[in-house]
Every structure is written in C-alpha cells, then in structure tokens.
Full PDB file with SEQRES, HELIX, SHEET, SSBOND, CRYST1, ORIGX, SCALE, CONECT and MASTER records, all heavy atoms in Angstrom:
SEQRES   1 A   44  ASN ALA PHE GLY ALA PHE VAL HIS PRO ASP ASN PHE ARG          
SEQRES   2 A   44  CYS ARG HIS TRP ALA ALA MET CYS LYS ALA ALA ASP LEU          
SEQRES   3 A   44  PRO THR GLY CYS THR LEU HIS SER LEU ARG HIS THR ALA          
SEQRES   4 A   44  ALA THR LEU MET LEU                                          
HELIX    1 AA1 PRO A    9  PHE A   12  1                                   4    
HELIX    2 AA2 ARG A   13  TRP A   17  3                                   5    
HELIX    3 AA3 ALA A   18  ALA A   24  1                                   7    
HELIX    4 AA4 LEU A   32  MET A   43  1                                  12    
CRYST1    1.000    1.000    1.000  90.00  90.00  90.00 P 1           1          
ORIGX1      1.000000  0.000000  0.000000        0.00000                         
ORIGX2      0.000000  1.000000  0.000000        0.00000                         
ORIGX3      0.000000  0.000000  1.000000        0.00000                         
SCALE1      1.000000  0.000000  0.000000        0.00000                         
SCALE2      0.000000  1.000000  0.000000        0.00000                         
SCALE3      0.000000  0.000000  1.000000        0.00000                         
ATOM      1  N   ASN A   1      98.883 110.286  88.330  1.00  0.00           N  
ATOM      2  CA  ASN A   1      98.401 108.928  88.336  1.00  0.00           C  
ATOM      3  C   ASN A   1      98.661 108.323  86.942  1.00  0.00           C  
ATOM      4  O   ASN A   1      99.342 108.938  86.101  1.00  0.00           O  
ATOM      5  CB  ASN A   1      96.915 108.854  88.707  1.00  0.00           C  
ATOM      6  CG  ASN A   1      95.996 109.469  87.660  1.00  0.00           C  
ATOM      7  OD1 ASN A   1      96.413 109.845  86.547  1.00  0.00           O  
ATOM      8  ND2 ASN A   1      94.732 109.622  87.993  1.00  0.00           N  
ATOM      9  N   ALA A   2      98.169 107.124  86.691  1.00  0.00           N  
ATOM     10  CA  ALA A   2      98.512 106.420  85.441  1.00  0.00           C  
ATOM     11  C   ALA A   2      97.930 107.084  84.197  1.00  0.00           C  
ATOM     12  O   ALA A   2      98.286 106.676  83.077  1.00  0.00           O  
ATOM     13  CB  ALA A   2      98.035 104.970  85.537  1.00  0.00           C  
ATOM     14  N   PHE A   3      97.079 108.099  84.358  1.00  0.00           N  
ATOM     15  CA  PHE A   3      96.470 108.751  83.204  1.00  0.00           C  
ATOM     16  C   PHE A   3      96.824 110.238  83.119  1.00  0.00           C  
ATOM     17  O   PHE A   3      96.199 111.004  82.381  1.00  0.00           O  
ATOM     18  CB  PHE A   3      94.952 108.568  83.253  1.00  0.00           C  
ATOM     19  CG  PHE A   3      94.527 107.140  83.206  1.00  0.00           C  
ATOM     20  CD1 PHE A   3      94.165 106.467  84.366  1.00  0.00           C  
ATOM     21  CD2 PHE A   3      94.519 106.431  81.997  1.00  0.00           C  
ATOM     22  CE1 PHE A   3      93.796 105.122  84.334  1.00  0.00           C  
ATOM     23  CE2 PHE A   3      94.133 105.098  81.967  1.00  0.00           C  
ATOM     24  CZ  PHE A   3      93.797 104.439  83.131  1.00  0.00           C  
ATOM     25  N   GLY A   4      97.813 110.656  83.910  1.00  0.00           N  
ATOM     26  CA  GLY A   4      98.280 112.040  83.836  1.00  0.00           C  
ATOM     27  C   GLY A   4      97.520 113.011  84.727  1.00  0.00           C  
ATOM     28  O   GLY A   4      97.794 114.200  84.681  1.00  0.00           O  
ATOM     29  N   ALA A   5      96.586 112.512  85.517  1.00  0.00           N  
ATOM     30  CA  ALA A   5      95.804 113.378  86.408  1.00  0.00           C  
ATOM     31  C   ALA A   5      96.494 113.459  87.790  1.00  0.00           C  
ATOM     32  O   ALA A   5      97.531 112.850  88.042  1.00  0.00           O  
ATOM     33  CB  ALA A   5      94.396 112.854  86.553  1.00  0.00           C  
ATOM     34  N   PHE A   6      95.882 114.241  88.693  1.00  0.00           N  
ATOM     35  CA  PHE A   6      96.425 114.397  90.031  1.00  0.00           C  
ATOM     36  C   PHE A   6      96.466 113.071  90.773  1.00  0.00           C  
ATOM     37  O   PHE A   6      95.557 112.225  90.605  1.00  0.00           O  
ATOM     38  CB  PHE A   6      95.580 115.378  90.840  1.00  0.00           C  
ATOM     39  CG  PHE A   6      95.771 116.817  90.431  1.00  0.00           C  
ATOM     40  CD1 PHE A   6      94.838 117.444  89.629  1.00  0.00           C  
ATOM     41  CD2 PHE A   6      96.861 117.533  90.861  1.00  0.00           C  
ATOM     42  CE1 PHE A   6      94.997 118.774  89.253  1.00  0.00           C  
ATOM     43  CE2 PHE A   6      97.037 118.885  90.507  1.00  0.00           C  
ATOM     44  CZ  PHE A   6      96.109 119.484  89.696  1.00  0.00           C  
ATOM     45  N   VAL A   7      97.484 112.877  91.563  1.00  0.00           N  
ATOM     46  CA  VAL A   7      97.559 111.705  92.464  1.00  0.00           C  
ATOM     47  C   VAL A   7      96.583 111.926  93.611  1.00  0.00           C  
ATOM     48  O   VAL A   7      96.592 112.986  94.249  1.00  0.00           O  
ATOM     49  CB  VAL A   7      98.982 111.529  93.027  1.00  0.00           C  
ATOM     50  CG1 VAL A   7      98.998 110.459  94.106  1.00  0.00           C  
ATOM     51  CG2 VAL A   7      99.950 111.184  91.901  1.00  0.00           C  
ATOM     52  N   HIS A   8      95.710 110.961  93.866  1.00  0.00           N  
ATOM     53  CA  HIS A   8      94.797 111.034  94.996  1.00  0.00           C  
ATOM     54  C   HIS A   8      95.538 110.543  96.243  1.00  0.00           C  
ATOM     55  O   HIS A   8      95.932 109.372  96.286  1.00  0.00           O  
ATOM     56  CB  HIS A   8      93.559 110.193  94.753  1.00  0.00           C  
ATOM     57  CG  HIS A   8      92.661 110.746  93.683  1.00  0.00           C  
ATOM     58  ND1 HIS A   8      91.313 110.441  93.600  1.00  0.00           N  
ATOM     59  CD2 HIS A   8      92.908 111.618  92.666  1.00  0.00           C  
ATOM     60  CE1 HIS A   8      90.794 111.100  92.563  1.00  0.00           C  
ATOM     61  NE2 HIS A   8      91.737 111.787  91.993  1.00  0.00           N  
ATOM     62  N   PRO A   9      95.772 111.397  97.215  1.00  0.00           N  
ATOM     63  CA  PRO A   9      96.541 111.023  98.412  1.00  0.00           C  
ATOM     64  C   PRO A   9      96.065 109.733  99.091  1.00  0.00           C  
ATOM     65  O   PRO A   9      96.862 108.926  99.531  1.00  0.00           O  
ATOM     66  CB  PRO A   9      96.401 112.226  99.317  1.00  0.00           C  
ATOM     67  CG  PRO A   9      96.159 113.371  98.396  1.00  0.00           C  
ATOM     68  CD  PRO A   9      95.325 112.810  97.290  1.00  0.00           C  
ATOM     69  N   ASP A  10      94.733 109.560  99.191  1.00  0.00           N  
ATOM     70  CA  ASP A  10      94.205 108.373  99.862  1.00  0.00           C  
ATOM     71  C   ASP A  10      94.533 107.095  99.094  1.00  0.00           C  
ATOM     72  O   ASP A  10      94.811 106.058  99.699  1.00  0.00           O  
ATOM     73  CB  ASP A  10      92.695 108.501 100.048  1.00  0.00           C  
ATOM     74  CG  ASP A  10      92.320 109.500 101.138  1.00  0.00           C  
ATOM     75  OD1 ASP A  10      93.211 109.826 101.945  1.00  0.00           O  
ATOM     76  OD2 ASP A  10      91.166 109.938 101.171  1.00  0.00           O  
ATOM     77  N   ASN A  11      94.489 107.154  97.763  1.00  0.00           N  
ATOM     78  CA  ASN A  11      94.872 106.002  96.952  1.00  0.00           C  
ATOM     79  C   ASN A  11      96.307 105.624  97.195  1.00  0.00           C  
ATOM     80  O   ASN A  11      96.652 104.426  97.372  1.00  0.00           O  
ATOM     81  CB  ASN A  11      94.645 106.265  95.476  1.00  0.00           C  
ATOM     82  CG  ASN A  11      93.167 106.276  95.101  1.00  0.00           C  
ATOM     83  OD1 ASN A  11      92.336 105.857  95.866  1.00  0.00           O  
ATOM     84  ND2 ASN A  11      92.860 106.769  93.916  1.00  0.00           N  
ATOM     85  N   PHE A  12      97.191 106.608  97.188  1.00  0.00           N  
ATOM     86  CA  PHE A  12      98.618 106.350  97.453  1.00  0.00           C  
ATOM     87  C   PHE A  12      98.812 105.762  98.849  1.00  0.00           C  
ATOM     88  O   PHE A  12      99.545 104.793  99.033  1.00  0.00           O  
ATOM     89  CB  PHE A  12      99.423 107.629  97.293  1.00  0.00           C  
ATOM     90  CG  PHE A  12     100.825 107.523  97.847  1.00  0.00           C  
ATOM     91  CD1 PHE A  12     101.794 106.780  97.198  1.00  0.00           C  
ATOM     92  CD2 PHE A  12     101.150 108.131  99.050  1.00  0.00           C  
ATOM     93  CE1 PHE A  12     103.080 106.672  97.713  1.00  0.00           C  
ATOM     94  CE2 PHE A  12     102.425 108.022  99.574  1.00  0.00           C  
ATOM     95  CZ  PHE A  12     103.392 107.300  98.911  1.00  0.00           C  
ATOM     96  N   ARG A  13      98.169 106.381  99.830  1.00  0.00           N  
ATOM     97  CA  ARG A  13      98.360 105.964 101.226  1.00  0.00           C  
ATOM     98  C   ARG A  13      97.882 104.511 101.432  1.00  0.00           C  
ATOM     99  O   ARG A  13      98.607 103.720 102.076  1.00  0.00           O  
ATOM    100  CB  ARG A  13      97.598 106.903 102.156  1.00  0.00           C  
ATOM    101  CG  ARG A  13      97.682 106.528 103.618  1.00  0.00           C  
ATOM    102  CD  ARG A  13      97.005 107.603 104.480  1.00  0.00           C  
ATOM    103  NE  ARG A  13      95.643 107.858 104.065  1.00  0.00           N  
ATOM    104  CZ  ARG A  13      94.620 107.086 104.441  1.00  0.00           C  
ATOM    105  NH1 ARG A  13      94.795 106.038 105.222  1.00  0.00           N  
ATOM    106  NH2 ARG A  13      93.396 107.393 104.038  1.00  0.00           N  
ATOM    107  N   CYS A  14      96.726 104.191 100.940  1.00  0.00           N  
ATOM    108  CA  CYS A  14      96.131 102.861 101.190  1.00  0.00           C  
ATOM    109  C   CYS A  14      96.798 101.756 100.356  1.00  0.00           C  
ATOM    110  O   CYS A  14      97.008 100.653 100.859  1.00  0.00           O  
ATOM    111  CB  CYS A  14      94.631 102.891 100.924  1.00  0.00           C  
ATOM    112  SG  CYS A  14      93.722 104.001 102.013  1.00  0.00           S  
ATOM    113  N   ARG A  15      97.121 102.045  99.115  1.00  0.00           N  
ATOM    114  CA  ARG A  15      97.604 100.994  98.220  1.00  0.00           C  
ATOM    115  C   ARG A  15      99.115 100.863  98.191  1.00  0.00           C  
ATOM    116  O   ARG A  15      99.635  99.759  98.042  1.00  0.00           O  
ATOM    117  CB  ARG A  15      97.089 101.262  96.810  1.00  0.00           C  
ATOM    118  CG  ARG A  15      95.571 101.251  96.681  1.00  0.00           C  
ATOM    119  CD  ARG A  15      95.126 101.524  95.267  1.00  0.00           C  
ATOM    120  NE  ARG A  15      93.677 101.563  95.154  1.00  0.00           N  
ATOM    121  CZ  ARG A  15      93.008 101.794  94.031  1.00  0.00           C  
ATOM    122  NH1 ARG A  15      93.681 102.034  92.917  1.00  0.00           N  
ATOM    123  NH2 ARG A  15      91.687 101.830  94.026  1.00  0.00           N  
ATOM    124  N   HIS A  16      99.824 101.945  98.324  1.00  0.00           N  
ATOM    125  CA  HIS A  16     101.285 101.886  98.165  1.00  0.00           C  
ATOM    126  C   HIS A  16     102.037 102.188  99.452  1.00  0.00           C  
ATOM    127  O   HIS A  16     102.957 101.452  99.817  1.00  0.00           O  
ATOM    128  CB  HIS A  16     101.729 102.833  97.061  1.00  0.00           C  
ATOM    129  CG  HIS A  16     101.377 102.362  95.678  1.00  0.00           C  
ATOM    130  ND1 HIS A  16     102.253 101.717  94.861  1.00  0.00           N  
ATOM    131  CD2 HIS A  16     100.213 102.439  94.994  1.00  0.00           C  
ATOM    132  CE1 HIS A  16     101.668 101.409  93.705  1.00  0.00           C  
ATOM    133  NE2 HIS A  16     100.410 101.845  93.779  1.00  0.00           N  
ATOM    134  N   TRP A  17     101.673 103.278 100.122  1.00  0.00           N  
ATOM    135  CA  TRP A  17     102.443 103.680 101.299  1.00  0.00           C  
ATOM    136  C   TRP A  17     102.412 102.609 102.393  1.00  0.00           C  
ATOM    137  O   TRP A  17     103.441 102.298 102.972  1.00  0.00           O  
ATOM    138  CB  TRP A  17     101.890 105.001 101.851  1.00  0.00           C  
ATOM    139  CG  TRP A  17     102.581 105.429 103.123  1.00  0.00           C  
ATOM    140  CD1 TRP A  17     102.058 105.425 104.374  1.00  0.00           C  
ATOM    141  CD2 TRP A  17     103.907 105.924 103.263  1.00  0.00           C  
ATOM    142  NE1 TRP A  17     102.994 105.872 105.296  1.00  0.00           N  
ATOM    143  CE2 TRP A  17     104.122 106.180 104.631  1.00  0.00           C  
ATOM    144  CE3 TRP A  17     104.943 106.146 102.343  1.00  0.00           C  
ATOM    145  CZ2 TRP A  17     105.358 106.672 105.115  1.00  0.00           C  
ATOM    146  CZ3 TRP A  17     106.169 106.635 102.838  1.00  0.00           C  
ATOM    147  CH2 TRP A  17     106.358 106.892 104.198  1.00  0.00           C  
ATOM    148  N   ALA A  18     101.258 102.068 102.675  1.00  0.00           N  
ATOM    149  CA  ALA A  18     101.153 101.028 103.729  1.00  0.00           C  
ATOM    150  C   ALA A  18     102.044  99.834 103.394  1.00  0.00           C  
ATOM    151  O   ALA A  18     102.723  99.302 104.287  1.00  0.00           O  
ATOM    152  CB  ALA A  18      99.694 100.595 103.875  1.00  0.00           C  
ATOM    153  N   ALA A  19     102.068  99.435 102.108  1.00  0.00           N  
ATOM    154  CA  ALA A  19     102.901  98.302 101.703  1.00  0.00           C  
ATOM    155  C   ALA A  19     104.380  98.644 101.789  1.00  0.00           C  
ATOM    156  O   ALA A  19     105.207  97.792 102.164  1.00  0.00           O  
ATOM    157  CB  ALA A  19     102.517  97.872 100.277  1.00  0.00           C  
ATOM    158  N   MET A  20     104.743  99.882 101.438  1.00  0.00           N  
ATOM    159  CA  MET A  20     106.133 100.325 101.571  1.00  0.00           C  
ATOM    160  C   MET A  20     106.619 100.249 103.008  1.00  0.00           C  
ATOM    161  O   MET A  20     107.710  99.744 103.298  1.00  0.00           O  
ATOM    162  CB  MET A  20     106.287 101.750 101.072  1.00  0.00           C  
ATOM    163  CG  MET A  20     106.291 101.949  99.583  1.00  0.00           C  
ATOM    164  SD  MET A  20     106.607 103.706  99.240  1.00  0.00           S  
ATOM    165  CE  MET A  20     106.061 103.812  97.529  1.00  0.00           C  
ATOM    166  N   CYS A  21     105.801 100.807 103.910  1.00  0.00           N  
ATOM    167  CA  CYS A  21     106.161 100.829 105.338  1.00  0.00           C  
ATOM    168  C   CYS A  21     106.357  99.430 105.885  1.00  0.00           C  
ATOM    169  O   CYS A  21     107.287  99.194 106.665  1.00  0.00           O  
ATOM    170  CB  CYS A  21     105.089 101.576 106.126  1.00  0.00           C  
ATOM    171  SG  CYS A  21     105.019 103.334 105.792  1.00  0.00           S  
ATOM    172  N   LYS A  22     105.493  98.523 105.495  1.00  0.00           N  
ATOM    173  CA  LYS A  22     105.570  97.136 105.968  1.00  0.00           C  
ATOM    174  C   LYS A  22     106.836  96.462 105.444  1.00  0.00           C  
ATOM    175  O   LYS A  22     107.577  95.800 106.186  1.00  0.00           O  
ATOM    176  CB  LYS A  22     104.343  96.348 105.535  1.00  0.00           C  
ATOM    177  CG  LYS A  22     104.312  94.916 106.043  1.00  0.00           C  
ATOM    178  CD  LYS A  22     103.017  94.225 105.655  1.00  0.00           C  
ATOM    179  CE  LYS A  22     102.985  92.786 106.185  1.00  0.00           C  
ATOM    180  NZ  LYS A  22     101.728  92.084 105.773  1.00  0.00           N  
ATOM    181  N   ALA A  23     107.114  96.664 104.146  1.00  0.00           N  
ATOM    182  CA  ALA A  23     108.298  96.037 103.554  1.00  0.00           C  
ATOM    183  C   ALA A  23     109.601  96.608 104.109  1.00  0.00           C  
ATOM    184  O   ALA A  23     110.596  95.904 104.229  1.00  0.00           O  
ATOM    185  CB  ALA A  23     108.247  96.226 102.024  1.00  0.00           C  
ATOM    186  N   ALA A  24     109.585  97.902 104.454  1.00  0.00           N  
ATOM    187  CA  ALA A  24     110.775  98.575 104.991  1.00  0.00           C  
ATOM    188  C   ALA A  24     110.871  98.458 106.498  1.00  0.00           C  
ATOM    189  O   ALA A  24     111.847  98.932 107.086  1.00  0.00           O  
ATOM    190  CB  ALA A  24     110.774 100.038 104.580  1.00  0.00           C  
ATOM    191  N   ASP A  25     109.858  97.836 107.122  1.00  0.00           N  
ATOM    192  CA  ASP A  25     109.825  97.648 108.580  1.00  0.00           C  
ATOM    193  C   ASP A  25     109.976  98.979 109.322  1.00  0.00           C  
ATOM    194  O   ASP A  25     110.829  99.153 110.210  1.00  0.00           O  
ATOM    195  CB  ASP A  25     110.939  96.682 109.014  1.00  0.00           C  
ATOM    196  CG  ASP A  25     110.786  96.217 110.474  1.00  0.00           C  
ATOM    197  OD1 ASP A  25     109.629  96.209 110.950  1.00  0.00           O  
ATOM    198  OD2 ASP A  25     111.794  95.875 111.109  1.00  0.00           O  
ATOM    199  N   LEU A  26     109.106  99.925 108.939  1.00  0.00           N  
ATOM    200  CA  LEU A  26     109.158 101.243 109.567  1.00  0.00           C  
ATOM    201  C   LEU A  26     108.298 101.258 110.828  1.00  0.00           C  
ATOM    202  O   LEU A  26     107.398 100.443 110.987  1.00  0.00           O  
ATOM    203  CB  LEU A  26     108.633 102.304 108.586  1.00  0.00           C  
ATOM    204  CG  LEU A  26     109.423 102.469 107.283  1.00  0.00           C  
ATOM    205  CD1 LEU A  26     108.890 103.646 106.483  1.00  0.00           C  
ATOM    206  CD2 LEU A  26     110.911 102.648 107.557  1.00  0.00           C  
ATOM    207  N   PRO A  27     108.540 102.211 111.723  1.00  0.00           N  
ATOM    208  CA  PRO A  27     107.798 102.280 112.994  1.00  0.00           C  
ATOM    209  C   PRO A  27     106.314 102.581 112.765  1.00  0.00           C  
ATOM    210  O   PRO A  27     105.949 103.228 111.779  1.00  0.00           O  
ATOM    211  CB  PRO A  27     108.494 103.396 113.762  1.00  0.00           C  
ATOM    212  CG  PRO A  27     109.190 104.212 112.728  1.00  0.00           C  
ATOM    213  CD  PRO A  27     109.596 103.248 111.660  1.00  0.00           C  
ATOM    214  N   THR A  28     105.488 102.153 113.705  1.00  0.00           N  
ATOM    215  CA  THR A  28     104.061 102.425 113.631  1.00  0.00           C  
ATOM    216  C   THR A  28     103.779 103.926 113.668  1.00  0.00           C  
ATOM    217  O   THR A  28     104.439 104.669 114.389  1.00  0.00           O  
ATOM    218  CB  THR A  28     103.331 101.746 114.814  1.00  0.00           C  
ATOM    219  OG1 THR A  28     103.598 100.346 114.781  1.00  0.00           O  
ATOM    220  CG2 THR A  28     101.832 101.947 114.719  1.00  0.00           C  
ATOM    221  N   GLY A  29     102.810 104.345 112.881  1.00  0.00           N  
ATOM    222  CA  GLY A  29     102.467 105.749 112.882  1.00  0.00           C  
ATOM    223  C   GLY A  29     103.242 106.587 111.878  1.00  0.00           C  
ATOM    224  O   GLY A  29     103.071 107.814 111.815  1.00  0.00           O  
ATOM    225  N   CYS A  30     104.091 105.950 111.081  1.00  0.00           N  
ATOM    226  CA  CYS A  30     104.865 106.679 110.083  1.00  0.00           C  
ATOM    227  C   CYS A  30     103.976 107.062 108.922  1.00  0.00           C  
ATOM    228  O   CYS A  30     103.276 106.223 108.343  1.00  0.00           O  
ATOM    229  CB  CYS A  30     106.043 105.827 109.602  1.00  0.00           C  
ATOM    230  SG  CYS A  30     107.168 106.697 108.502  1.00  0.00           S  
ATOM    231  N   THR A  31     103.966 108.346 108.554  1.00  0.00           N  
ATOM    232  CA  THR A  31     103.163 108.823 107.424  1.00  0.00           C  
ATOM    233  C   THR A  31     104.110 109.508 106.414  1.00  0.00           C  
ATOM    234  O   THR A  31     105.299 109.661 106.675  1.00  0.00           O  
ATOM    235  CB  THR A  31     102.110 109.836 107.898  1.00  0.00           C  
ATOM    236  OG1 THR A  31     102.785 111.000 108.399  1.00  0.00           O  
ATOM    237  CG2 THR A  31     101.224 109.250 108.978  1.00  0.00           C  
ATOM    238  N   LEU A  32     103.537 109.914 105.294  1.00  0.00           N  
ATOM    239  CA  LEU A  32     104.358 110.626 104.332  1.00  0.00           C  
ATOM    240  C   LEU A  32     104.899 111.921 104.925  1.00  0.00           C  
ATOM    241  O   LEU A  32     106.013 112.339 104.626  1.00  0.00           O  
ATOM    242  CB  LEU A  32     103.516 110.936 103.070  1.00  0.00           C  
ATOM    243  CG  LEU A  32     104.288 111.574 101.897  1.00  0.00           C  
ATOM    244  CD1 LEU A  32     105.382 110.660 101.387  1.00  0.00           C  
ATOM    245  CD2 LEU A  32     103.326 111.906 100.753  1.00  0.00           C  
ATOM    246  N   HIS A  33     104.118 112.531 105.833  1.00  0.00           N  
ATOM    247  CA  HIS A  33     104.574 113.772 106.487  1.00  0.00           C  
ATOM    248  C   HIS A  33     105.753 113.482 107.415  1.00  0.00           C  
ATOM    249  O   HIS A  33     106.542 114.404 107.705  1.00  0.00           O  
ATOM    250  CB  HIS A  33     103.431 114.408 107.267  1.00  0.00           C  
ATOM    251  CG  HIS A  33     103.662 115.841 107.633  1.00  0.00           C  
ATOM    252  ND1 HIS A  33     103.638 116.868 106.744  1.00  0.00           N  
ATOM    253  CD2 HIS A  33     103.977 116.408 108.827  1.00  0.00           C  
ATOM    254  CE1 HIS A  33     103.899 118.008 107.340  1.00  0.00           C  
ATOM    255  NE2 HIS A  33     104.109 117.768 108.618  1.00  0.00           N  
ATOM    256  N   SER A  34     105.880 112.225 107.866  1.00  0.00           N  
ATOM    257  CA  SER A  34     107.029 111.870 108.712  1.00  0.00           C  
ATOM    258  C   SER A  34     108.341 112.051 107.955  1.00  0.00           C  
ATOM    259  O   SER A  34     109.375 112.263 108.588  1.00  0.00           O  
ATOM    260  CB  SER A  34     106.889 110.421 109.170  1.00  0.00           C  
ATOM    261  OG  SER A  34     105.718 110.226 109.943  1.00  0.00           O  
ATOM    262  N   LEU A  35     108.296 111.944 106.636  1.00  0.00           N  
ATOM    263  CA  LEU A  35     109.518 112.148 105.853  1.00  0.00           C  
ATOM    264  C   LEU A  35     109.955 113.609 105.890  1.00  0.00           C  
ATOM    265  O   LEU A  35     111.144 113.911 105.773  1.00  0.00           O  
ATOM    266  CB  LEU A  35     109.295 111.673 104.402  1.00  0.00           C  
ATOM    267  CG  LEU A  35     108.799 110.234 104.237  1.00  0.00           C  
ATOM    268  CD1 LEU A  35     108.895 109.810 102.776  1.00  0.00           C  
ATOM    269  CD2 LEU A  35     109.574 109.257 105.133  1.00  0.00           C  
ATOM    270  N   ARG A  36     108.996 114.506 106.048  1.00  0.00           N  
ATOM    271  CA  ARG A  36     109.340 115.914 106.244  1.00  0.00           C  
ATOM    272  C   ARG A  36     110.043 116.110 107.588  1.00  0.00           C  
ATOM    273  O   ARG A  36     111.034 116.814 107.676  1.00  0.00           O  
ATOM    274  CB  ARG A  36     108.069 116.769 106.176  1.00  0.00           C  
ATOM    275  CG  ARG A  36     108.263 118.268 106.379  1.00  0.00           C  
ATOM    276  CD  ARG A  36     106.962 118.983 106.061  1.00  0.00           C  
ATOM    277  NE  ARG A  36     106.978 120.377 106.546  1.00  0.00           N  
ATOM    278  CZ  ARG A  36     107.473 121.394 105.851  1.00  0.00           C  
ATOM    279  NH1 ARG A  36     108.059 121.180 104.691  1.00  0.00           N  
ATOM    280  NH2 ARG A  36     107.404 122.628 106.328  1.00  0.00           N  
ATOM    281  N   HIS A  37     109.519 115.436 108.643  1.00  0.00           N  
ATOM    282  CA  HIS A  37     110.177 115.499 109.947  1.00  0.00           C  
ATOM    283  C   HIS A  37     111.556 114.872 109.869  1.00  0.00           C  
ATOM    284  O   HIS A  37     112.499 115.356 110.493  1.00  0.00           O  
ATOM    285  CB  HIS A  37     109.322 114.727 110.984  1.00  0.00           C  
ATOM    286  CG  HIS A  37     107.991 115.352 111.255  1.00  0.00           C  
ATOM    287  ND1 HIS A  37     107.825 116.707 111.454  1.00  0.00           N  
ATOM    288  CD2 HIS A  37     106.770 114.793 111.367  1.00  0.00           C  
ATOM    289  CE1 HIS A  37     106.545 116.946 111.656  1.00  0.00           C  
ATOM    290  NE2 HIS A  37     105.884 115.812 111.615  1.00  0.00           N  
ATOM    291  N   THR A  38     111.669 113.805 109.086  1.00  0.00           N  
ATOM    292  CA  THR A  38     112.956 113.129 108.925  1.00  0.00           C  
ATOM    293  C   THR A  38     113.968 114.070 108.286  1.00  0.00           C  
ATOM    294  O   THR A  38     115.112 114.172 108.762  1.00  0.00           O  
ATOM    295  CB  THR A  38     112.789 111.857 108.059  1.00  0.00           C  
ATOM    296  OG1 THR A  38     111.885 110.961 108.709  1.00  0.00           O  
ATOM    297  CG2 THR A  38     114.116 111.171 107.852  1.00  0.00           C  
ATOM    298  N   ALA A  39     113.562 114.736 107.214  1.00  0.00           N  
ATOM    299  CA  ALA A  39     114.474 115.655 106.511  1.00  0.00           C  
ATOM    300  C   ALA A  39     114.948 116.766 107.468  1.00  0.00           C  
ATOM    301  O   ALA A  39     116.138 117.089 107.517  1.00  0.00           O  
ATOM    302  CB  ALA A  39     113.771 116.245 105.306  1.00  0.00           C  
ATOM    303  N   ALA A  40     114.024 117.313 108.235  1.00  0.00           N  
ATOM    304  CA  ALA A  40     114.371 118.401 109.167  1.00  0.00           C  
ATOM    305  C   ALA A  40     115.330 117.896 110.238  1.00  0.00           C  
ATOM    306  O   ALA A  40     116.333 118.552 110.577  1.00  0.00           O  
ATOM    307  CB  ALA A  40     113.113 118.955 109.806  1.00  0.00           C  
ATOM    308  N   THR A  41     115.018 116.739 110.806  1.00  0.00           N  
ATOM    309  CA  THR A  41     115.873 116.165 111.864  1.00  0.00           C  
ATOM    310  C   THR A  41     117.257 115.869 111.370  1.00  0.00           C  
ATOM    311  O   THR A  41     118.251 116.215 112.025  1.00  0.00           O  
ATOM    312  CB  THR A  41     115.220 114.871 112.401  1.00  0.00           C  
ATOM    313  OG1 THR A  41     113.921 115.185 112.917  1.00  0.00           O  
ATOM    314  CG2 THR A  41     116.062 114.278 113.527  1.00  0.00           C  
ATOM    315  N   LEU A  42     117.375 115.266 110.211  1.00  0.00           N  
ATOM    316  CA  LEU A  42     118.690 114.893 109.674  1.00  0.00           C  
ATOM    317  C   LEU A  42     119.503 116.140 109.315  1.00  0.00           C  
ATOM    318  O   LEU A  42     120.710 116.165 109.489  1.00  0.00           O  
ATOM    319  CB  LEU A  42     118.543 113.975 108.456  1.00  0.00           C  
ATOM    320  CG  LEU A  42     117.888 112.611 108.730  1.00  0.00           C  
ATOM    321  CD1 LEU A  42     117.843 111.765 107.465  1.00  0.00           C  
ATOM    322  CD2 LEU A  42     118.660 111.852 109.827  1.00  0.00           C  
ATOM    323  N   MET A  43     118.830 117.165 108.824  1.00  0.00           N  
ATOM    324  CA  MET A  43     119.547 118.409 108.530  1.00  0.00           C  
ATOM    325  C   MET A  43     120.126 119.032 109.782  1.00  0.00           C  
ATOM    326  O   MET A  43     121.289 119.450 109.835  1.00  0.00           O  
ATOM    327  CB  MET A  43     118.617 119.418 107.829  1.00  0.00           C  
ATOM    328  CG  MET A  43     118.443 119.208 106.344  1.00  0.00           C  
ATOM    329  SD  MET A  43     117.604 120.614 105.527  1.00  0.00           S  
ATOM    330  CE  MET A  43     115.939 120.412 106.107  1.00  0.00           C  
ATOM    331  N   LEU A  44     119.313 119.084 110.843  1.00  0.00           N  
ATOM    332  CA  LEU A  44     119.770 119.671 112.110  1.00  0.00           C  
ATOM    333  C   LEU A  44     120.889 118.842 112.726  1.00  0.00           C  
ATOM    334  O   LEU A  44     121.866 119.380 113.247  1.00  0.00           O  
ATOM    335  CB  LEU A  44     118.592 119.818 113.076  1.00  0.00           C  
ATOM    336  CG  LEU A  44     117.519 120.858 112.691  1.00  0.00           C  
ATOM    337  CD1 LEU A  44     116.322 120.745 113.599  1.00  0.00           C  
ATOM    338  CD2 LEU A  44     118.114 122.269 112.738  1.00  0.00           C  
TER     339      LEU A  44                                                      
MASTER        0    0    0    4    0    0    0    6  338    1    0    4          
END                                                                             
C-alpha cells in the first residue's frame, strides 16, 4: 500500500478493481482470480 504495508484485498477490489473492470468493459463476475483462469486458458 502507500505506506509499505500489505495490500488489503478488499480495498483493492472495491476502490480499484471495480473501476478497472468498468473502464475495460469486462464481463460481469470478473474477479482478480479470473486472471488466473485467463492465464491457464490462454496457455492451453
């Protein structure tokens, strides 16, 4: 975080991730874990 401590997942999800998904026009239900599914799918 901005002070060198651990990132709180809920803070990231509520403040940044939701805004990213909206700006990128991603499908409903997309989470950070979806990027893990994405990596696996694209590799296969």
